[in-house]
Amino acid sequence: MVRTGRPRGFDRDEAVQEAMLLFWEHGFEGTSLDRLRRAMGGISSASFYAAFSSKQSLYREALQRYLSSHGQVMAALRDPALSPRRRIEQALRGSAAMQTEAGHPGGCMVALSATIGSGEDAEARALTEAERASNRQAIAACVREAVESGELDADIDVTGLSTLLEGLLIGLSIQARDGVPATAIDAAVTAALSAWDSHRRPGIQPSPKRKRGG
């Protein structure tokens, strides 16, 4: 007999978690409806649409799941209790550690899952573009605040330094997916921060590097 409803024991929360991992690993376009349904225990198409309305709606929900869990490493960029440099460092080192740890796909879902695709991916691309733009703005705000507070030289190229730091944030997603060791990526973060330190005002020392997980 053909099954038309949800299988016994369907767990919507678990289904969103499985969808998040699939979109993270294979991207929006690379994750087919059939693959999603199978990951959810073989639910029917009718049940899928009843539960999630559309693939795009499920992607939106899965992305929010990512942002509220793994993606929280970027919250440091907006923490007013931290100095601008510390915000940048914690975000970069935290992101590098998260993206290279075992137990989930490598890289960053925001950077990798919906950057290129067909017309049907426009909504998914817009969601991740908005998140990347938000992080870009937060990084630039950290650099501007450091200049305004006198931590960094007044004549520094704010756009150039901001773009360098954001470029590392985006680029390490590819490196993590390619299996570049976490130690190498962490060393790259240290090298990038040296660009910040080279523009420090005299008498201001860089904040000490925190241990991972600290």
Protein backbone atom coordinates (compact mmCIF):
# COMPACT_ATOMS: atom_id res chain seq x y z
CA MET A 1 0.00 0.00 0.00
CA VAL A 2 1.31 3.46 -0.91
CA ARG A 3 2.02 5.63 2.12
CA THR A 4 0.51 9.10 1.77
CA GLY A 5 0.90 10.56 5.26
CA ARG A 6 3.72 11.21 7.66
CA PRO A 7 5.43 8.11 9.01
CA ARG A 8 4.74 7.26 12.61
CA GLY A 9 7.01 9.18 14.93
CA PHE A 10 7.56 12.19 12.61
CA ASP A 11 9.45 14.83 14.59
CA ARG A 12 9.31 18.26 12.98
CA ASP A 13 12.17 19.65 15.06
CA GLU A 14 14.39 16.74 14.11
CA ALA A 15 13.35 17.15 10.47
CA VAL A 16 14.52 20.79 10.47
CA GLN A 17 17.81 19.68 12.01
CA GLU A 18 18.34 17.10 9.26
CA ALA A 19 17.43 19.67 6.61
CA MET A 20 19.96 22.11 8.07
CA LEU A 21 22.74 19.53 7.76
CA LEU A 22 21.76 18.66 4.19
CA PHE A 23 21.59 22.29 3.04
CA TRP A 24 24.89 22.96 4.81
CA GLU A 25 26.58 20.03 3.11
CA HIS A 26 25.04 20.13 -0.37
CA GLY A 27 23.71 23.68 -0.76
CA PHE A 28 20.18 24.75 -1.58
CA GLU A 29 20.18 23.61 -5.19
CA GLY A 30 22.11 20.41 -4.46
CA THR A 31 19.57 19.28 -1.86
CA SER A 32 16.62 17.79 -3.67
CA LEU A 33 13.12 17.44 -2.27
CA ASP A 34 13.50 13.67 -2.50
CA ARG A 35 16.70 13.78 -0.43
CA LEU A 36 14.97 15.94 2.17
CA ARG A 37 11.98 13.61 2.37
CA ARG A 38 14.21 10.56 2.79
CA ALA A 39 16.15 12.28 5.57
CA MET A 40 12.85 12.89 7.32
CA GLY A 41 11.97 9.22 7.39
CA GLY A 42 10.35 8.93 3.98
CA ILE A 43 7.45 11.35 4.38
CA SER A 44 5.25 11.90 1.34
CA SER A 45 5.37 15.02 -0.79
CA ALA A 46 1.94 16.00 0.52
CA SER A 47 3.13 15.71 4.10
CA PHE A 48 6.30 17.65 3.32
CA TYR A 49 4.34 20.58 1.91
CA ALA A 50 1.84 20.41 4.76
CA ALA A 51 4.66 20.66 7.28
CA PHE A 52 6.94 23.17 5.55
CA SER A 53 4.95 24.81 2.69
CA SER A 54 7.93 24.75 0.31
CA LYS A 55 11.59 23.91 0.00
CA GLN A 56 12.37 27.63 0.24
CA SER A 57 10.43 27.96 3.50
CA LEU A 58 12.23 24.95 4.94
CA TYR A 59 15.56 26.46 3.90
CA ARG A 60 14.66 29.69 5.70
CA GLU A 61 13.84 27.73 8.85
CA ALA A 62 16.98 25.60 8.55
CA LEU A 63 19.13 28.71 8.13
CA GLN A 64 17.63 30.22 11.27
CA ARG A 65 18.42 26.97 13.09
CA TYR A 66 22.04 27.30 11.95
CA LEU A 67 22.27 30.96 12.95
CA SER A 68 20.86 30.27 16.41
CA SER A 69 23.27 27.39 17.02
CA HIS A 70 26.54 27.02 15.09
CA GLY A 71 26.28 30.54 13.70
CA GLN A 72 26.32 32.07 17.17
CA VAL A 73 30.11 32.24 16.92
CA MET A 74 29.54 35.49 15.03
CA ALA A 75 27.72 37.10 17.97
CA ALA A 76 31.07 38.32 19.30
CA LEU A 77 31.17 40.89 16.49
CA ARG A 78 28.29 42.73 18.15
CA ASP A 79 29.27 42.34 21.81
CA PRO A 80 29.69 45.83 23.30
CA ALA A 81 31.48 44.38 26.33
CA LEU A 82 34.45 43.49 24.10
CA SER A 83 36.99 45.81 22.54
CA PRO A 84 36.77 46.11 18.74
CA ARG A 85 39.87 43.97 18.23
CA ARG A 86 38.60 41.33 20.64
CA ARG A 87 35.29 41.18 18.80
CA ILE A 88 37.09 40.54 15.54
CA GLU A 89 39.44 37.97 17.04
CA GLN A 90 36.77 36.01 18.87
CA ALA A 91 34.55 35.93 15.79
CA LEU A 92 37.35 34.77 13.49
CA ARG A 93 38.85 32.18 15.84
CA GLY A 94 35.43 30.94 16.94
CA SER A 95 34.25 30.63 13.36
CA ALA A 96 37.42 28.81 12.31
CA ALA A 97 37.10 26.36 15.19
CA MET A 98 33.41 25.70 14.51
CA GLN A 99 33.89 25.24 10.77
CA THR A 100 36.66 22.69 11.19
CA GLU A 101 35.23 20.63 14.06
CA ALA A 102 33.83 17.13 13.55
CA GLY A 103 30.16 16.22 13.83
CA HIS A 104 28.75 18.41 11.10
CA PRO A 105 29.64 19.58 7.55
CA GLY A 106 32.78 21.66 7.19
CA GLY A 107 32.70 25.33 6.36
CA CYS A 108 29.95 27.86 6.95
CA MET A 109 26.36 27.39 5.82
CA VAL A 110 25.96 31.14 5.28
CA ALA A 111 29.02 31.28 3.03
CA LEU A 112 28.51 28.06 1.10
CA SER A 113 24.89 26.95 0.88
CA ALA A 114 23.32 29.53 -1.44
CA THR A 115 25.92 31.60 -3.23
CA ILE A 116 25.39 30.31 -6.78
CA GLY A 117 22.27 28.84 -8.31
CA SER A 118 19.38 29.15 -10.71
CA GLY A 119 16.42 31.50 -10.61
CA GLU A 120 14.54 29.38 -8.09
CA ASP A 121 17.36 29.96 -5.63
CA ALA A 122 16.88 33.73 -5.55
CA GLU A 123 15.17 33.72 -2.15
CA ALA A 124 17.82 31.47 -0.60
CA ARG A 125 20.60 33.62 -2.05
CA ALA A 126 18.98 36.76 -0.67
CA LEU A 127 18.86 35.26 2.83
CA THR A 128 22.54 34.37 2.93
CA GLU A 129 23.55 37.61 1.21
CA ALA A 130 21.79 39.52 3.98
CA GLU A 131 23.68 37.59 6.66
CA ARG A 132 27.02 38.13 4.97
CA ALA A 133 26.23 41.83 4.57
CA SER A 134 25.39 42.06 8.26
CA ASN A 135 28.72 40.51 9.22
CA ARG A 136 30.53 42.78 6.76
CA GLN A 137 28.94 45.82 8.34
CA ALA A 138 29.76 44.60 11.85
CA ILE A 139 33.42 44.12 10.96
CA ALA A 140 33.60 47.60 9.43
CA ALA A 141 31.92 49.02 12.54
CA CYS A 142 34.64 47.44 14.71
CA VAL A 143 37.38 49.05 12.61
CA ARG A 144 35.67 52.46 12.62
CA GLU A 145 35.13 52.31 16.38
CA ALA A 146 38.81 51.49 16.92
CA VAL A 147 39.77 54.52 14.83
CA GLU A 148 37.33 56.80 16.62
CA SER A 149 38.52 55.65 20.05
CA GLY A 150 42.16 56.23 19.11
CA GLU A 151 43.13 52.56 19.20
CA LEU A 152 44.02 52.61 15.50
CA ASP A 153 45.73 55.31 13.45
CA ALA A 154 43.35 57.94 12.16
CA ASP A 155 44.68 57.62 8.60
CA ILE A 156 44.12 53.87 8.33
CA ASP A 157 42.24 52.56 5.29
CA VAL A 158 39.09 51.43 7.08
CA THR A 159 37.58 49.85 3.97
CA GLY A 160 40.78 48.00 3.12
CA LEU A 161 41.28 46.50 6.59
CA SER A 162 37.60 45.64 6.91
CA THR A 163 37.60 43.90 3.54
CA LEU A 164 40.75 41.96 4.42
CA LEU A 165 39.19 40.64 7.62
CA GLU A 166 35.88 39.80 5.97
CA GLY A 167 37.71 38.12 3.12
CA LEU A 168 39.41 35.83 5.60
CA LEU A 169 36.07 35.06 7.25
CA ILE A 170 34.52 34.05 3.93
CA GLY A 171 37.63 32.32 2.58
CA LEU A 172 38.17 30.07 5.56
CA SER A 173 34.86 28.38 4.69
CA ILE A 174 36.41 27.02 1.51
CA GLN A 175 39.56 26.04 3.35
CA ALA A 176 37.58 24.23 6.04
CA ARG A 177 35.54 22.39 3.40
CA ASP A 178 38.77 21.42 1.64
CA GLY A 179 40.17 19.96 4.86
CA VAL A 180 42.81 22.57 5.63
CA PRO A 181 43.89 21.86 9.25
CA ALA A 182 42.36 23.99 11.99
CA THR A 183 45.85 24.91 13.20
CA ALA A 184 46.73 26.37 9.81
CA ILE A 185 43.52 28.39 9.65
CA ASP A 186 44.05 29.65 13.19
CA ALA A 187 47.56 30.75 12.19
CA ALA A 188 46.02 32.67 9.28
CA VAL A 189 43.79 34.51 11.74
CA THR A 190 46.88 35.48 13.73
CA ALA A 191 48.55 36.75 10.55
CA ALA A 192 45.49 38.79 9.58
CA LEU A 193 45.29 40.35 13.03
CA SER A 194 48.89 41.46 12.66
CA ALA A 195 47.60 43.86 9.99
CA TRP A 196 45.37 45.40 12.65
CA ASP A 197 48.24 45.55 15.15
CA SER A 198 50.53 47.25 12.66
CA HIS A 199 48.19 50.25 12.74
CA ARG A 200 47.88 50.52 16.52
CA ARG A 201 48.55 53.85 18.12
CA PRO A 202 51.80 53.96 20.16
CA GLY A 203 51.42 52.65 23.68
CA ILE A 204 48.39 50.47 22.92
CA GLN A 205 49.15 46.78 23.12
CA PRO A 206 47.21 44.02 21.35
CA SER A 207 44.88 42.04 23.54
CA PRO A 208 46.30 38.60 24.45
CA LYS A 209 45.20 35.62 22.39
CA ARG A 210 42.57 33.58 24.18
CA LYS A 211 42.76 29.83 24.25
CA ARG A 212 40.24 27.95 22.18
CA GLY A 213 37.02 27.34 23.97
CA GLY A 214 37.80 30.16 26.39
